[in-house]
All heavy atoms as atom14 arrays in JSON, in Angstrom:
{
  "sequence": "IGFGFAFGQVLQIQFAEQFATPIDAAYLTFLGPLIGSLIR",
  "atom14_mask": [
    [1, 1, 1, 1, 1, 1, 1, 1, 0, 0, 0, 0, 0, 0],
    [1, 1, 1, 1, 0, 0, 0, 0, 0, 0, 0, 0, 0, 0],
    [1, 1, 1, 1, 1, 1, 1, 1, 1, 1, 1, 0, 0, 0],
    [1, 1, 1, 1, 0, 0, 0, 0, 0, 0, 0, 0, 0, 0],
    [1, 1, 1, 1, 1, 1, 1, 1, 1, 1, 1, 0, 0, 0],
    [1, 1, 1, 1, 1, 0, 0, 0, 0, 0, 0, 0, 0, 0],
    [1, 1, 1, 1, 1, 1, 1, 1, 1, 1, 1, 0, 0, 0],
    [1, 1, 1, 1, 0, 0, 0, 0, 0, 0, 0, 0, 0, 0],
    [1, 1, 1, 1, 1, 1, 1, 1, 1, 0, 0, 0, 0, 0],
    [1, 1, 1, 1, 1, 1, 1, 0, 0, 0, 0, 0, 0, 0],
    [1, 1, 1, 1, 1, 1, 1, 1, 0, 0, 0, 0, 0, 0],
    [1, 1, 1, 1, 1, 1, 1, 1, 1, 0, 0, 0, 0, 0],
    [1, 1, 1, 1, 1, 1, 1, 1, 0, 0, 0, 0, 0, 0],
    [1, 1, 1, 1, 1, 1, 1, 1, 1, 0, 0, 0, 0, 0],
    [1, 1, 1, 1, 1, 1, 1, 1, 1, 1, 1, 0, 0, 0],
    [1, 1, 1, 1, 1, 0, 0, 0, 0, 0, 0, 0, 0, 0],
    [1, 1, 1, 1, 1, 1, 1, 1, 1, 0, 0, 0, 0, 0],
    [1, 1, 1, 1, 1, 1, 1, 1, 1, 0, 0, 0, 0, 0],
    [1, 1, 1, 1, 1, 1, 1, 1, 1, 1, 1, 0, 0, 0],
    [1, 1, 1, 1, 1, 0, 0, 0, 0, 0, 0, 0, 0, 0],
    [1, 1, 1, 1, 1, 1, 1, 0, 0, 0, 0, 0, 0, 0],
    [1, 1, 1, 1, 1, 1, 1, 0, 0, 0, 0, 0, 0, 0],
    [1, 1, 1, 1, 1, 1, 1, 1, 0, 0, 0, 0, 0, 0],
    [1, 1, 1, 1, 1, 1, 1, 1, 0, 0, 0, 0, 0, 0],
    [1, 1, 1, 1, 1, 0, 0, 0, 0, 0, 0, 0, 0, 0],
    [1, 1, 1, 1, 1, 0, 0, 0, 0, 0, 0, 0, 0, 0],
    [1, 1, 1, 1, 1, 1, 1, 1, 1, 1, 1, 1, 0, 0],
    [1, 1, 1, 1, 1, 1, 1, 1, 0, 0, 0, 0, 0, 0],
    [1, 1, 1, 1, 1, 1, 1, 0, 0, 0, 0, 0, 0, 0],
    [1, 1, 1, 1, 1, 1, 1, 1, 1, 1, 1, 0, 0, 0],
    [1, 1, 1, 1, 1, 1, 1, 1, 0, 0, 0, 0, 0, 0],
    [1, 1, 1, 1, 0, 0, 0, 0, 0, 0, 0, 0, 0, 0],
    [1, 1, 1, 1, 1, 1, 1, 0, 0, 0, 0, 0, 0, 0],
    [1, 1, 1, 1, 1, 1, 1, 1, 0, 0, 0, 0, 0, 0],
    [1, 1, 1, 1, 1, 1, 1, 1, 0, 0, 0, 0, 0, 0],
    [1, 1, 1, 1, 0, 0, 0, 0, 0, 0, 0, 0, 0, 0],
    [1, 1, 1, 1, 1, 1, 0, 0, 0, 0, 0, 0, 0, 0],
    [1, 1, 1, 1, 1, 1, 1, 1, 0, 0, 0, 0, 0, 0],
    [1, 1, 1, 1, 1, 1, 1, 1, 0, 0, 0, 0, 0, 0],
    [1, 1, 1, 1, 1, 1, 1, 1, 1, 1, 1, 0, 0, 0]
  ],
  "atom14_positions": [
    [[9.12, 6.63, 5.24], [8.25, 7.64, 4.66], [8.12, 7.47, 3.12], [7.03, 7.65, 2.53], [8.65, 9.06, 5.03], [7.48, 10.06, 4.87], [9.93, 9.49, 4.2], [6.35, 9.78, 5.81], [0.0, 0.0, 0.0], [0.0, 0.0, 0.0], [0.0, 0.0, 0.0], [0.0, 0.0, 0.0], [0.0, 0.0, 0.0], [0.0, 0.0, 0.0]],
    [[9.18, 7.05, 2.49], [9.15, 6.86, 1.03], [8.24, 5.69, 0.66], [7.47, 5.79, -0.26], [0.0, 0.0, 0.0], [0.0, 0.0, 0.0], [0.0, 0.0, 0.0], [0.0, 0.0, 0.0], [0.0, 0.0, 0.0], [0.0, 0.0, 0.0], [0.0, 0.0, 0.0], [0.0, 0.0, 0.0], [0.0, 0.0, 0.0], [0.0, 0.0, 0.0]],
    [[8.4, 4.51, 1.36], [7.54, 3.41, 1.08], [6.06, 3.7, 1.51], [5.16, 3.2, 0.87], [8.06, 2.17, 1.82], [9.43, 1.68, 1.34], [10.27, 1.07, 2.22], [9.8, 1.82, 0.01], [11.5, 0.57, 1.79], [11.02, 1.31, -0.45], [11.89, 0.71, 0.47], [0.0, 0.0, 0.0], [0.0, 0.0, 0.0], [0.0, 0.0, 0.0]],
    [[5.91, 4.42, 2.57], [4.59, 4.8, 3.0], [3.84, 5.59, 1.93], [2.61, 5.38, 1.7], [0.0, 0.0, 0.0], [0.0, 0.0, 0.0], [0.0, 0.0, 0.0], [0.0, 0.0, 0.0], [0.0, 0.0, 0.0], [0.0, 0.0, 0.0], [0.0, 0.0, 0.0], [0.0, 0.0, 0.0], [0.0, 0.0, 0.0], [0.0, 0.0, 0.0]],
    [[4.6, 6.51, 1.31], [3.98, 7.33, 0.2], [3.71, 6.53, -1.03], [2.8, 6.81, -1.74], [4.88, 8.52, -0.1], [4.83, 9.64, 0.9], [4.28, 9.47, 2.2], [5.34, 10.9, 0.54], [4.23, 10.52, 3.08], [5.31, 11.93, 1.46], [4.71, 11.77, 2.7], [0.0, 0.0, 0.0], [0.0, 0.0, 0.0], [0.0, 0.0, 0.0]],
    [[4.61, 5.59, -1.36], [4.6, 4.94, -2.67], [3.9, 3.58, -2.66], [3.53, 3.12, -3.76], [6.01, 4.78, -3.15], [0.0, 0.0, 0.0], [0.0, 0.0, 0.0], [0.0, 0.0, 0.0], [0.0, 0.0, 0.0], [0.0, 0.0, 0.0], [0.0, 0.0, 0.0], [0.0, 0.0, 0.0], [0.0, 0.0, 0.0], [0.0, 0.0, 0.0]],
    [[3.67, 2.93, -1.51], [3.26, 1.56, -1.47], [1.94, 1.29, -2.3], [1.86, 0.34, -3.04], [3.13, 1.05, -0.01], [2.8, -0.34, 0.17], [3.41, -1.26, -0.66], [1.89, -0.77, 1.11], [3.15, -2.65, -0.46], [1.65, -2.12, 1.32], [2.3, -3.09, 0.53], [0.0, 0.0, 0.0], [0.0, 0.0, 0.0], [0.0, 0.0, 0.0]],
    [[0.91, 2.14, -2.09], [-0.34, 1.96, -2.75], [-0.17, 2.04, -4.22], [-0.79, 1.3, -4.98], [0.0, 0.0, 0.0], [0.0, 0.0, 0.0], [0.0, 0.0, 0.0], [0.0, 0.0, 0.0], [0.0, 0.0, 0.0], [0.0, 0.0, 0.0], [0.0, 0.0, 0.0], [0.0, 0.0, 0.0], [0.0, 0.0, 0.0], [0.0, 0.0, 0.0]],
    [[0.61, 3.04, -4.73], [0.74, 3.2, -6.17], [1.5, 1.94, -6.76], [1.05, 1.5, -7.84], [1.59, 4.42, -6.44], [0.87, 5.72, -6.11], [1.77, 6.89, -6.61], [1.8, 7.17, -7.77], [2.41, 7.54, -5.65], [0.0, 0.0, 0.0], [0.0, 0.0, 0.0], [0.0, 0.0, 0.0], [0.0, 0.0, 0.0], [0.0, 0.0, 0.0]],
    [[2.51, 1.53, -6.04], [3.31, 0.36, -6.55], [2.36, -0.84, -6.7], [2.45, -1.6, -7.67], [4.47, 0.09, -5.66], [5.23, -1.22, -6.07], [5.46, 1.25, -5.66], [0.0, 0.0, 0.0], [0.0, 0.0, 0.0], [0.0, 0.0, 0.0], [0.0, 0.0, 0.0], [0.0, 0.0, 0.0], [0.0, 0.0, 0.0], [0.0, 0.0, 0.0]],
    [[1.54, -1.09, -5.66], [0.62, -2.23, -5.71], [-0.29, -2.13, -6.96], [-0.49, -3.09, -7.67], [-0.2, -2.28, -4.46], [0.46, -2.88, -3.21], [-0.5, -2.82, -2.02], [0.93, -4.33, -3.37], [0.0, 0.0, 0.0], [0.0, 0.0, 0.0], [0.0, 0.0, 0.0], [0.0, 0.0, 0.0], [0.0, 0.0, 0.0], [0.0, 0.0, 0.0]],
    [[-0.84, -0.95, -7.14], [-1.79, -0.71, -8.31], [-1.12, -0.97, -9.67], [-1.73, -1.51, -10.57], [-2.37, 0.64, -8.25], [-3.62, 0.71, -7.3], [-4.42, 1.96, -7.63], [-3.93, 3.09, -7.51], [-5.62, 1.78, -8.08], [0.0, 0.0, 0.0], [0.0, 0.0, 0.0], [0.0, 0.0, 0.0], [0.0, 0.0, 0.0], [0.0, 0.0, 0.0]],
    [[0.17, -0.57, -9.73], [0.85, -0.64, -11.04], [1.38, -2.06, -11.23], [1.27, -2.65, -12.32], [1.93, 0.41, -11.15], [1.35, 1.82, -10.97], [2.74, 0.24, -12.4], [2.34, 2.88, -10.85], [0.0, 0.0, 0.0], [0.0, 0.0, 0.0], [0.0, 0.0, 0.0], [0.0, 0.0, 0.0], [0.0, 0.0, 0.0], [0.0, 0.0, 0.0]],
    [[2.12, -2.56, -10.19], [2.83, -3.8, -10.35], [1.89, -5.05, -10.36], [2.21, -6.03, -11.03], [3.87, -3.99, -9.19], [4.85, -5.09, -9.39], [6.25, -4.67, -9.48], [6.57, -3.58, -9.02], [7.13, -5.47, -9.97], [0.0, 0.0, 0.0], [0.0, 0.0, 0.0], [0.0, 0.0, 0.0], [0.0, 0.0, 0.0], [0.0, 0.0, 0.0]],
    [[0.8, -4.97, -9.64], [-0.13, -6.07, -9.57], [-1.49, -5.59, -9.96], [-2.49, -5.7, -9.2], [-0.13, -6.73, -8.17], [1.15, -7.31, -7.77], [2.18, -6.62, -7.06], [1.43, -8.65, -8.13], [3.35, -7.2, -6.72], [2.71, -9.26, -7.75], [3.6, -8.52, -7.1], [0.0, 0.0, 0.0], [0.0, 0.0, 0.0], [0.0, 0.0, 0.0]],
    [[-1.6, -5.02, -11.17], [-2.84, -4.43, -11.59], [-4.05, -5.42, -11.67], [-5.19, -5.0, -11.45], [-2.65, -3.76, -12.99], [0.0, 0.0, 0.0], [0.0, 0.0, 0.0], [0.0, 0.0, 0.0], [0.0, 0.0, 0.0], [0.0, 0.0, 0.0], [0.0, 0.0, 0.0], [0.0, 0.0, 0.0], [0.0, 0.0, 0.0], [0.0, 0.0, 0.0]],
    [[-3.7, -6.66, -11.94], [-4.81, -7.66, -12.07], [-5.5, -7.95, -10.75], [-6.66, -8.23, -10.64], [-4.22, -8.93, -12.64], [-3.18, -9.63, -11.85], [-1.84, -9.07, -12.13], [-1.68, -7.99, -12.79], [-0.81, -9.72, -11.65], [0.0, 0.0, 0.0], [0.0, 0.0, 0.0], [0.0, 0.0, 0.0], [0.0, 0.0, 0.0], [0.0, 0.0, 0.0]],
    [[-4.68, -7.8, -9.62], [-5.23, -8.0, -8.25], [-5.78, -6.75, -7.68], [-6.6, -6.77, -6.74], [-4.2, -8.56, -7.33], [-3.92, -10.07, -7.52], [-2.63, -10.23, -8.41], [-2.29, -9.3, -9.2], [-1.97, -11.35, -8.34], [0.0, 0.0, 0.0], [0.0, 0.0, 0.0], [0.0, 0.0, 0.0], [0.0, 0.0, 0.0], [0.0, 0.0, 0.0]],
    [[-5.36, -5.56, -8.19], [-5.76, -4.32, -7.59], [-6.34, -3.41, -8.73], [-5.74, -2.4, -9.06], [-4.64, -3.63, -6.87], [-4.0, -4.45, -5.75], [-2.85, -5.18, -6.02], [-4.59, -4.5, -4.51], [-2.33, -5.97, -4.99], [-4.03, -5.27, -3.51], [-2.97, -6.07, -3.77], [0.0, 0.0, 0.0], [0.0, 0.0, 0.0], [0.0, 0.0, 0.0]],
    [[-7.53, -3.78, -9.27], [-8.1, -3.08, -10.34], [-8.72, -1.81, -9.97], [-8.82, -0.91, -10.81], [-9.15, -4.03, -11.0], [0.0, 0.0, 0.0], [0.0, 0.0, 0.0], [0.0, 0.0, 0.0], [0.0, 0.0, 0.0], [0.0, 0.0, 0.0], [0.0, 0.0, 0.0], [0.0, 0.0, 0.0], [0.0, 0.0, 0.0], [0.0, 0.0, 0.0]],
    [[-9.07, -1.65, -8.7], [-9.71, -0.43, -8.25], [-8.9, 0.18, -7.05], [-8.16, -0.52, -6.38], [-11.16, -0.65, -7.82], [-11.16, -1.38, -6.62], [-11.96, -1.32, -8.87], [0.0, 0.0, 0.0], [0.0, 0.0, 0.0], [0.0, 0.0, 0.0], [0.0, 0.0, 0.0], [0.0, 0.0, 0.0], [0.0, 0.0, 0.0], [0.0, 0.0, 0.0]],
    [[-9.02, 1.53, -6.78], [-8.35, 2.11, -5.66], [-8.68, 1.45, -4.33], [-7.74, 1.32, -3.49], [-8.85, 3.56, -5.69], [-9.24, 3.75, -7.1], [-9.77, 2.5, -7.6], [0.0, 0.0, 0.0], [0.0, 0.0, 0.0], [0.0, 0.0, 0.0], [0.0, 0.0, 0.0], [0.0, 0.0, 0.0], [0.0, 0.0, 0.0], [0.0, 0.0, 0.0]],
    [[-9.86, 1.06, -4.1], [-10.22, 0.45, -2.82], [-9.56, -0.88, -2.61], [-9.21, -1.22, -1.45], [-11.75, 0.33, -2.69], [-12.09, 0.06, -1.21], [-12.33, -0.72, -3.64], [-13.6, 0.21, -0.97], [0.0, 0.0, 0.0], [0.0, 0.0, 0.0], [0.0, 0.0, 0.0], [0.0, 0.0, 0.0], [0.0, 0.0, 0.0], [0.0, 0.0, 0.0]],
    [[-9.24, -1.59, -3.66], [-8.51, -2.81, -3.53], [-7.14, -2.58, -2.96], [-6.71, -3.36, -2.04], [-8.4, -3.61, -4.89], [-9.71, -3.98, -5.48], [-10.62, -4.3, -4.56], [-9.9, -4.02, -6.69], [0.0, 0.0, 0.0], [0.0, 0.0, 0.0], [0.0, 0.0, 0.0], [0.0, 0.0, 0.0], [0.0, 0.0, 0.0], [0.0, 0.0, 0.0]],
    [[-6.45, -1.58, -3.46], [-5.1, -1.27, -2.94], [-5.16, -0.66, -1.6], [-4.34, -0.9, -0.72], [-4.39, -0.33, -3.94], [0.0, 0.0, 0.0], [0.0, 0.0, 0.0], [0.0, 0.0, 0.0], [0.0, 0.0, 0.0], [0.0, 0.0, 0.0], [0.0, 0.0, 0.0], [0.0, 0.0, 0.0], [0.0, 0.0, 0.0], [0.0, 0.0, 0.0]],
    [[-6.21, 0.14, -1.26], [-6.32, 0.85, -0.02], [-6.44, -0.12, 1.19], [-6.1, 0.19, 2.27], [-7.52, 1.85, -0.06], [0.0, 0.0, 0.0], [0.0, 0.0, 0.0], [0.0, 0.0, 0.0], [0.0, 0.0, 0.0], [0.0, 0.0, 0.0], [0.0, 0.0, 0.0], [0.0, 0.0, 0.0], [0.0, 0.0, 0.0], [0.0, 0.0, 0.0]],
    [[-7.09, -1.34, 0.92], [-7.2, -2.28, 1.95], [-5.84, -2.79, 2.51], [-5.76, -3.18, 3.67], [-7.98, -3.52, 1.43], [-9.47, -3.36, 1.42], [-10.24, -3.42, 0.26], [-10.18, -3.1, 2.69], [-11.61, -3.27, 0.31], [-11.52, -2.9, 2.69], [-12.24, -3.03, 1.56], [-13.58, -2.86, 1.53], [0.0, 0.0, 0.0], [0.0, 0.0, 0.0]],
    [[-4.81, -2.64, 1.73], [-3.46, -3.08, 2.13], [-2.48, -1.97, 2.42], [-1.53, -2.15, 3.13], [-2.87, -4.05, 1.13], [-3.5, -5.45, 0.95], [-2.94, -6.16, -0.21], [-3.33, -6.24, 2.22], [0.0, 0.0, 0.0], [0.0, 0.0, 0.0], [0.0, 0.0, 0.0], [0.0, 0.0, 0.0], [0.0, 0.0, 0.0], [0.0, 0.0, 0.0]],
    [[-2.72, -0.84, 1.82], [-1.74, 0.29, 1.88], [-1.42, 0.69, 3.32], [-0.26, 0.97, 3.57], [-2.38, 1.47, 1.1], [-2.54, 1.11, -0.29], [-1.39, 2.69, 1.21], [0.0, 0.0, 0.0], [0.0, 0.0, 0.0], [0.0, 0.0, 0.0], [0.0, 0.0, 0.0], [0.0, 0.0, 0.0], [0.0, 0.0, 0.0], [0.0, 0.0, 0.0]],
    [[-2.35, 0.68, 4.17], [-2.12, 1.23, 5.51], [-1.3, 0.26, 6.39], [-0.77, 0.62, 7.41], [-3.47, 1.53, 6.18], [-4.24, 0.38, 6.67], [-4.06, -0.07, 7.99], [-5.07, -0.3, 5.8], [-4.78, -1.2, 8.36], [-5.79, -1.36, 6.24], [-5.66, -1.82, 7.55], [0.0, 0.0, 0.0], [0.0, 0.0, 0.0], [0.0, 0.0, 0.0]],
    [[-1.3, -1.02, 6.05], [-0.74, -2.02, 6.98], [0.77, -1.79, 7.23], [1.19, -1.85, 8.42], [-0.93, -3.48, 6.41], [-2.39, -3.98, 6.5], [-2.43, -5.37, 5.79], [-2.8, -4.12, 8.01], [0.0, 0.0, 0.0], [0.0, 0.0, 0.0], [0.0, 0.0, 0.0], [0.0, 0.0, 0.0], [0.0, 0.0, 0.0], [0.0, 0.0, 0.0]],
    [[1.56, -1.54, 6.16], [2.99, -1.36, 6.34], [3.32, -0.15, 7.19], [4.07, -0.32, 8.22], [0.0, 0.0, 0.0], [0.0, 0.0, 0.0], [0.0, 0.0, 0.0], [0.0, 0.0, 0.0], [0.0, 0.0, 0.0], [0.0, 0.0, 0.0], [0.0, 0.0, 0.0], [0.0, 0.0, 0.0], [0.0, 0.0, 0.0], [0.0, 0.0, 0.0]],
    [[2.78, 1.04, 6.92], [3.1, 2.17, 7.74], [2.61, 2.01, 9.16], [3.24, 2.45, 10.11], [2.4, 3.3, 7.07], [2.28, 2.91, 5.63], [2.12, 1.44, 5.66], [0.0, 0.0, 0.0], [0.0, 0.0, 0.0], [0.0, 0.0, 0.0], [0.0, 0.0, 0.0], [0.0, 0.0, 0.0], [0.0, 0.0, 0.0], [0.0, 0.0, 0.0]],
    [[1.48, 1.29, 9.35], [1.0, 1.06, 10.66], [2.0, 0.16, 11.52], [2.33, 0.52, 12.61], [-0.39, 0.37, 10.68], [-0.97, -0.01, 12.02], [-1.27, 1.23, 12.8], [-2.24, -0.82, 11.83], [0.0, 0.0, 0.0], [0.0, 0.0, 0.0], [0.0, 0.0, 0.0], [0.0, 0.0, 0.0], [0.0, 0.0, 0.0], [0.0, 0.0, 0.0]],
    [[2.44, -0.9, 10.93], [3.38, -1.78, 11.56], [4.7, -1.08, 11.88], [5.29, -1.11, 12.97], [3.62, -3.02, 10.69], [2.36, -3.85, 10.58], [4.77, -3.85, 11.33], [2.43, -5.04, 9.6], [0.0, 0.0, 0.0], [0.0, 0.0, 0.0], [0.0, 0.0, 0.0], [0.0, 0.0, 0.0], [0.0, 0.0, 0.0], [0.0, 0.0, 0.0]],
    [[5.17, -0.27, 10.86], [6.41, 0.43, 11.03], [6.36, 1.53, 12.14], [7.29, 1.71, 12.86], [0.0, 0.0, 0.0], [0.0, 0.0, 0.0], [0.0, 0.0, 0.0], [0.0, 0.0, 0.0], [0.0, 0.0, 0.0], [0.0, 0.0, 0.0], [0.0, 0.0, 0.0], [0.0, 0.0, 0.0], [0.0, 0.0, 0.0], [0.0, 0.0, 0.0]],
    [[5.17, 2.09, 12.26], [5.0, 3.15, 13.32], [4.94, 2.49, 14.73], [5.55, 2.98, 15.65], [3.66, 3.89, 13.03], [3.69, 4.53, 11.76], [0.0, 0.0, 0.0], [0.0, 0.0, 0.0], [0.0, 0.0, 0.0], [0.0, 0.0, 0.0], [0.0, 0.0, 0.0], [0.0, 0.0, 0.0], [0.0, 0.0, 0.0], [0.0, 0.0, 0.0]],
    [[4.16, 1.4, 14.84], [4.0, 0.81, 16.12], [5.29, 0.21, 16.64], [5.53, 0.14, 17.9], [2.92, -0.29, 16.06], [1.48, 0.16, 15.77], [0.5, -1.07, 15.64], [1.0, 1.07, 16.91], [0.0, 0.0, 0.0], [0.0, 0.0, 0.0], [0.0, 0.0, 0.0], [0.0, 0.0, 0.0], [0.0, 0.0, 0.0], [0.0, 0.0, 0.0]],
    [[6.13, -0.27, 15.7], [7.39, -0.95, 16.12], [8.47, 0.01, 16.46], [9.48, -0.32, 17.11], [7.93, -1.88, 14.99], [8.7, -3.01, 15.58], [8.61, -1.16, 13.94], [7.94, -4.05, 16.28], [0.0, 0.0, 0.0], [0.0, 0.0, 0.0], [0.0, 0.0, 0.0], [0.0, 0.0, 0.0], [0.0, 0.0, 0.0], [0.0, 0.0, 0.0]],
    [[8.33, 1.33, 16.16], [9.45, 2.29, 16.33], [9.87, 2.4, 17.78], [11.07, 2.39, 18.11], [9.07, 3.69, 15.76], [10.19, 4.71, 15.96], [10.03, 5.88, 15.15], [11.14, 6.81, 15.37], [11.54, 7.79, 14.5], [10.91, 7.9, 13.36], [12.55, 8.54, 14.78], [0.0, 0.0, 0.0], [0.0, 0.0, 0.0], [0.0, 0.0, 0.0]]
  ]
}
């Protein structure tokens, strides 16, 4: 739950050059929580 909440923000801050806009990060943000949910 912590990574699910923080992942999008971390991407935007840590790799700002690749994720200049919110939609750039949003394309990847959902993947981690989705995989973690399906595997439970």
